[in-house]
C-alpha atoms as a PDB file:
ATOM      1  CA  ILE A   1     -27.215 -32.284  17.322  1.00  0.00           C
ATOM      2  CA  TYR A   2     -29.114 -33.884  20.203  1.00  0.00           C
ATOM      3  CA  ASN A   3     -27.904 -31.181  22.591  1.00  0.00           C
ATOM      4  CA  ARG A   4     -29.536 -28.593  20.342  1.00  0.00           C
ATOM      5  CA  LEU A   5     -32.674 -30.708  20.030  1.00  0.00           C
ATOM      6  CA  ALA A   6     -32.859 -31.082  23.821  1.00  0.00           C
ATOM      7  CA  ASP A   7     -32.599 -27.297  24.139  1.00  0.00           C
ATOM      8  CA  ALA A   8     -35.317 -26.830  21.516  1.00  0.00           C
ATOM      9  CA  PHE A   9     -37.613 -29.558  22.893  1.00  0.00           C
ATOM     10  CA  PRO A  10     -36.873 -29.763  26.644  1.00  0.00           C
ATOM     11  CA  THR A  11     -39.924 -31.894  27.447  1.00  0.00           C
ATOM     12  CA  GLU A  12     -39.488 -34.480  24.672  1.00  0.00           C
ATOM     13  CA  GLY A  13     -38.413 -37.712  26.357  1.00  0.00           C
ATOM     14  CA  SER A  14     -37.307 -39.457  23.182  1.00  0.00           C
ATOM     15  CA  VAL A  15     -34.821 -36.666  22.447  1.00  0.00           C
ATOM     16  CA  TRP A  16     -33.336 -37.017  25.926  1.00  0.00           C
ATOM     17  CA  PHE A  17     -33.211 -40.797  25.572  1.00  0.00           C
ATOM     18  CA  ASN A  18     -31.309 -40.571  22.283  1.00  0.00           C
ATOM     19  CA  LEU A  19     -29.040 -37.883  23.736  1.00  0.00           C
ATOM     20  CA  GLY A  20     -28.222 -40.256  26.597  1.00  0.00           C
ATOM     21  CA  LEU A  21     -27.439 -43.090  24.199  1.00  0.00           C
ATOM     22  CA  CYS A  22     -25.130 -40.876  22.147  1.00  0.00           C
ATOM     23  CA  GLN A  23     -23.365 -39.682  25.286  1.00  0.00           C
ATOM     24  CA  ALA A  24     -22.890 -43.276  26.440  1.00  0.00           C
ATOM     25  CA  TRP A  25     -21.502 -44.327  23.058  1.00  0.00           C
ATOM     26  CA  ASP A  26     -19.146 -41.353  23.263  1.00  0.00           C
ATOM     27  CA  GLY A  27     -17.919 -42.477  26.706  1.00  0.00           C
ATOM     28  CA  ARG A  28     -19.504 -39.576  28.588  1.00  0.00           C
ATOM     29  CA  LEU A  29     -21.173 -41.877  31.095  1.00  0.00           C
ATOM     30  CA  ARG A  30     -22.079 -39.362  33.810  1.00  0.00           C
ATOM     31  CA  GLU A  31     -23.840 -37.162  31.278  1.00  0.00           C
ATOM     32  CA  ALA A  32     -25.497 -40.218  29.744  1.00  0.00           C
ATOM     33  CA  ALA A  33     -26.896 -41.395  33.058  1.00  0.00           C
ATOM     34  CA  SER A  34     -28.249 -37.935  33.798  1.00  0.00           C
ATOM     35  CA  SER A  35     -29.912 -37.650  30.388  1.00  0.00           C
ATOM     36  CA  LEU A  36     -31.425 -41.117  30.669  1.00  0.00           C
ATOM     37  CA  HIS A  37     -32.777 -40.445  34.169  1.00  0.00           C
ATOM     38  CA  HIS A  38     -34.343 -37.263  32.808  1.00  0.00           C
ATOM     39  CA  ALA A  39     -35.770 -39.106  29.801  1.00  0.00           C
ATOM     40  CA  ALA A  40     -37.403 -41.623  32.123  1.00  0.00           C
ATOM     41  CA  THR A  41     -39.328 -38.824  33.833  1.00  0.00           C
ATOM     42  CA  LEU A  42     -40.532 -37.419  30.504  1.00  0.00           C
ATOM     43  CA  LEU A  43     -41.424 -40.514  28.485  1.00  0.00           C
ATOM     44  CA  GLN A  44     -45.150 -41.232  28.343  1.00  0.00           C
ATOM     45  CA  ASP A  45     -44.759 -44.901  27.432  1.00  0.00           C
ATOM     46  CA  PHE A  46     -44.200 -46.903  30.625  1.00  0.00           C
ATOM     47  CA  ASP A  47     -42.012 -49.550  28.977  1.00  0.00           C
ATOM     48  CA  GLN A  48     -39.762 -46.962  27.348  1.00  0.00           C
ATOM     49  CA  ALA A  49     -39.490 -45.012  30.601  1.00  0.00           C
ATOM     50  CA  THR A  50     -38.582 -48.215  32.437  1.00  0.00           C
ATOM     51  CA  ASP A  51     -35.917 -49.027  29.837  1.00  0.00           C
ATOM     52  CA  ALA A  52     -34.431 -45.541  30.150  1.00  0.00           C
ATOM     53  CA  GLU A  53     -34.322 -45.726  33.934  1.00  0.00           C
ATOM     54  CA  ALA A  54     -32.875 -49.248  33.940  1.00  0.00           C
ATOM     55  CA  LEU A  55     -30.120 -48.230  31.544  1.00  0.00           C
ATOM     56  CA  ALA A  56     -29.372 -45.128  33.613  1.00  0.00           C
ATOM     57  CA  GLN A  57     -29.087 -47.255  36.751  1.00  0.00           C
ATOM     58  CA  GLN A  58     -26.755 -49.705  35.004  1.00  0.00           C
ATOM     59  CA  ILE A  59     -24.496 -46.810  34.054  1.00  0.00           C
ATOM     60  CA  ASP A  60     -24.702 -45.455  37.611  1.00  0.00           C
ATOM     61  CA  LEU A  61     -23.518 -48.844  38.881  1.00  0.00           C
ATOM     62  CA  GLN A  62     -20.512 -48.710  36.551  1.00  0.00           C
ATOM     63  CA  LEU A  63     -19.602 -45.256  37.875  1.00  0.00           C
ATOM     64  CA  SER A  64     -20.166 -46.076  41.529  1.00  0.00           C
ATOM     65  CA  GLU A  65     -17.225 -46.338  43.885  1.00  0.00           C
ATOM     66  CA  GLU A  66     -19.347 -48.624  46.091  1.00  0.00           C
ATOM     67  CA  ARG A  67     -18.962 -51.888  44.224  1.00  0.00           C
ATOM     68  CA  TYR A  68     -16.901 -55.016  44.443  1.00  0.00           C
ATOM     69  CA  SER A  69     -14.318 -55.727  41.825  1.00  0.00           C
ATOM     70  CA  THR A  70     -13.191 -59.219  40.971  1.00  0.00           C
END
């Protein structure tokens, strides 16, 4: 549903944010990070945009090959 909403409302940050959350919950982390990064550029509220970007970066860190494992 959110994919269709994102197509219908491509500049609505909250749609992209929720799409990213759904993708993350579904285990599609690369797509989630991309959607959340995009949401951060569209959201008008600074705090929400910061939350979206922070979450996207956390997912990016999980996907990165450049990390230490313990």
